[in-house]
Amino acid sequence: MRKYELMYIIRTDVEQEVVQSTVEKFQGIISNGGGEISKHDLMGKRRLAYEINKFRDGHYVLVHFNAEPAVVTELDRVLKISDEVIRHLIVNDVA
């Protein structure tokens, strides 16, 4: 398994329950694929550096996890089609 870091931003016009269910959905994809989450940080609502899809704020979530590349491919696919997520980035974690 390889180490990865995932950062994604959830829209601010959704309810807090939707934010929680979105976070749990992505944690489930990692866990069900045989990955393990080493650190999870819901950073809260923050201002974006620039406007994305008419949003100036977003709920930031940072996840460090270990998984196989196939799990990361599936996670990336689901993040792209999720309406709640306005931006995401998955990188190899070197630390």
C-alpha atoms as a PDB file:
ATOM      1  CA  MET A   1       0.000   0.000   0.000  1.00  0.00           C
ATOM      2  CA  ARG A   2       1.070   3.544  -0.704  1.00  0.00           C
ATOM      3  CA  LYS A   3       0.628   6.696   1.360  1.00  0.00           C
ATOM      4  CA  TYR A   4      -1.644   9.426   0.010  1.00  0.00           C
ATOM      5  CA  GLU A   5      -2.926  12.817   1.060  1.00  0.00           C
ATOM      6  CA  LEU A   6      -6.391  13.973   0.033  1.00  0.00           C
ATOM      7  CA  MET A   7      -7.706  17.523   0.343  1.00  0.00           C
ATOM      8  CA  TYR A   8     -11.223  18.356  -0.745  1.00  0.00           C
ATOM      9  CA  ILE A   9     -13.547  21.326  -0.360  1.00  0.00           C
ATOM     10  CA  ILE A  10     -17.280  20.913   0.236  1.00  0.00           C
ATOM     11  CA  ARG A  11     -19.777  23.614  -0.757  1.00  0.00           C
ATOM     12  CA  THR A  12     -21.047  25.875   2.019  1.00  0.00           C
ATOM     13  CA  ASP A  13     -24.670  26.040   0.862  1.00  0.00           C
ATOM     14  CA  VAL A  14     -25.414  22.492   2.091  1.00  0.00           C
ATOM     15  CA  GLU A  15     -26.603  21.451   5.552  1.00  0.00           C
ATOM     16  CA  GLN A  16     -24.129  20.250   8.203  1.00  0.00           C
ATOM     17  CA  GLU A  17     -25.634  16.738   7.982  1.00  0.00           C
ATOM     18  CA  VAL A  18     -24.785  16.658   4.261  1.00  0.00           C
ATOM     19  CA  VAL A  19     -21.203  17.675   5.055  1.00  0.00           C
ATOM     20  CA  GLN A  20     -20.940  14.818   7.602  1.00  0.00           C
ATOM     21  CA  SER A  21     -22.474  12.252   5.234  1.00  0.00           C
ATOM     22  CA  THR A  22     -20.137  13.355   2.427  1.00  0.00           C
ATOM     23  CA  VAL A  23     -17.101  12.928   4.695  1.00  0.00           C
ATOM     24  CA  GLU A  24     -18.342   9.480   5.793  1.00  0.00           C
ATOM     25  CA  LYS A  25     -18.976   8.466   2.169  1.00  0.00           C
ATOM     26  CA  PHE A  26     -15.363   9.150   1.177  1.00  0.00           C
ATOM     27  CA  GLN A  27     -14.029   7.476   4.328  1.00  0.00           C
ATOM     28  CA  GLY A  28     -16.133   4.439   3.404  1.00  0.00           C
ATOM     29  CA  ILE A  29     -14.655   4.260  -0.090  1.00  0.00           C
ATOM     30  CA  ILE A  30     -11.145   4.161   1.385  1.00  0.00           C
ATOM     31  CA  SER A  31     -12.040   1.625   4.105  1.00  0.00           C
ATOM     32  CA  ASN A  32     -14.092  -0.659   1.854  1.00  0.00           C
ATOM     33  CA  GLY A  33     -11.227  -0.775  -0.639  1.00  0.00           C
ATOM     34  CA  GLY A  34      -8.866  -2.137   1.998  1.00  0.00           C
ATOM     35  CA  GLY A  35      -7.229   1.197   2.788  1.00  0.00           C
ATOM     36  CA  GLU A  36      -6.614   2.640   6.218  1.00  0.00           C
ATOM     37  CA  ILE A  37      -7.005   6.255   7.279  1.00  0.00           C
ATOM     38  CA  SER A  38      -4.096   7.460   9.405  1.00  0.00           C
ATOM     39  CA  LYS A  39      -5.260  11.057   9.929  1.00  0.00           C
ATOM     40  CA  HIS A  40      -8.534  12.849   9.275  1.00  0.00           C
ATOM     41  CA  ASP A  41      -8.990  16.567   9.830  1.00  0.00           C
ATOM     42  CA  LEU A  42     -12.220  18.482   9.204  1.00  0.00           C
ATOM     43  CA  MET A  43     -10.714  21.958   9.057  1.00  0.00           C
ATOM     44  CA  GLY A  44     -14.051  23.775   8.980  1.00  0.00           C
ATOM     45  CA  LYS A  45     -15.310  26.645   6.899  1.00  0.00           C
ATOM     46  CA  ARG A  46     -12.584  28.755   5.307  1.00  0.00           C
ATOM     47  CA  ARG A  47     -12.379  31.436   2.667  1.00  0.00           C
ATOM     48  CA  LEU A  48     -11.159  30.332  -0.752  1.00  0.00           C
ATOM     49  CA  ALA A  49      -8.198  32.090  -2.365  1.00  0.00           C
ATOM     50  CA  TYR A  50     -10.384  32.786  -5.405  1.00  0.00           C
ATOM     51  CA  GLU A  51     -13.962  32.157  -6.457  1.00  0.00           C
ATOM     52  CA  ILE A  52     -14.740  28.605  -7.621  1.00  0.00           C
ATOM     53  CA  ASN A  53     -18.124  27.985  -9.265  1.00  0.00           C
ATOM     54  CA  LYS A  54     -19.488  31.164  -7.619  1.00  0.00           C
ATOM     55  CA  PHE A  55     -18.398  30.017  -4.130  1.00  0.00           C
ATOM     56  CA  ARG A  56     -16.119  32.165  -1.970  1.00  0.00           C
ATOM     57  CA  ASP A  57     -16.052  29.811   1.071  1.00  0.00           C
ATOM     58  CA  GLY A  58     -15.828  26.063   1.586  1.00  0.00           C
ATOM     59  CA  HIS A  59     -15.567  23.332   4.207  1.00  0.00           C
ATOM     60  CA  TYR A  60     -11.995  22.014   3.983  1.00  0.00           C
ATOM     61  CA  VAL A  61     -11.247  18.339   4.707  1.00  0.00           C
ATOM     62  CA  LEU A  62      -7.737  16.832   4.878  1.00  0.00           C
ATOM     63  CA  VAL A  63      -7.191  13.053   4.913  1.00  0.00           C
ATOM     64  CA  HIS A  64      -3.943  11.057   5.121  1.00  0.00           C
ATOM     65  CA  PHE A  65      -4.419   7.407   4.178  1.00  0.00           C
ATOM     66  CA  ASN A  66      -2.737   4.234   2.936  1.00  0.00           C
ATOM     67  CA  ALA A  67      -4.325   2.426  -0.008  1.00  0.00           C
ATOM     68  CA  GLU A  68      -3.759   0.596  -3.255  1.00  0.00           C
ATOM     69  CA  PRO A  69      -3.743   2.640  -6.492  1.00  0.00           C
ATOM     70  CA  ALA A  70      -7.057   1.093  -7.591  1.00  0.00           C
ATOM     71  CA  VAL A  71      -8.764   2.560  -4.506  1.00  0.00           C
ATOM     72  CA  VAL A  72      -7.344   5.992  -5.309  1.00  0.00           C
ATOM     73  CA  THR A  73      -8.636   5.748  -8.876  1.00  0.00           C
ATOM     74  CA  GLU A  74     -12.147   4.941  -7.632  1.00  0.00           C
ATOM     75  CA  LEU A  75     -11.985   7.698  -4.998  1.00  0.00           C
ATOM     76  CA  ASP A  76     -10.917  10.231  -7.632  1.00  0.00           C
ATOM     77  CA  ARG A  77     -13.793   9.154  -9.907  1.00  0.00           C
ATOM     78  CA  VAL A  78     -16.386   9.566  -7.150  1.00  0.00           C
ATOM     79  CA  LEU A  79     -14.947  12.931  -6.062  1.00  0.00           C
ATOM     80  CA  LYS A  80     -15.209  14.227  -9.641  1.00  0.00           C
ATOM     81  CA  ILE A  81     -18.908  13.376  -9.962  1.00  0.00           C
ATOM     82  CA  SER A  82     -19.926  14.459  -6.449  1.00  0.00           C
ATOM     83  CA  ASP A  83     -22.055  17.616  -6.474  1.00  0.00           C
ATOM     84  CA  GLU A  84     -21.061  18.573  -2.922  1.00  0.00           C
ATOM     85  CA  VAL A  85     -17.315  18.761  -3.694  1.00  0.00           C
ATOM     86  CA  ILE A  86     -16.148  21.879  -5.518  1.00  0.00           C
ATOM     87  CA  ARG A  87     -12.423  21.012  -5.642  1.00  0.00           C
ATOM     88  CA  HIS A  88     -10.195  18.085  -4.670  1.00  0.00           C
ATOM     89  CA  LEU A  89      -6.572  16.988  -4.888  1.00  0.00           C
ATOM     90  CA  ILE A  90      -4.955  13.602  -4.215  1.00  0.00           C
ATOM     91  CA  VAL A  91      -1.156  13.448  -3.972  1.00  0.00           C
ATOM     92  CA  ASN A  92       1.430  10.897  -2.877  1.00  0.00           C
ATOM     93  CA  ASP A  93       2.366  11.568   0.744  1.00  0.00           C
ATOM     94  CA  VAL A  94       6.127  11.601   1.267  1.00  0.00           C
ATOM     95  CA  ALA A  95       6.115  11.990   5.052  1.00  0.00           C
END
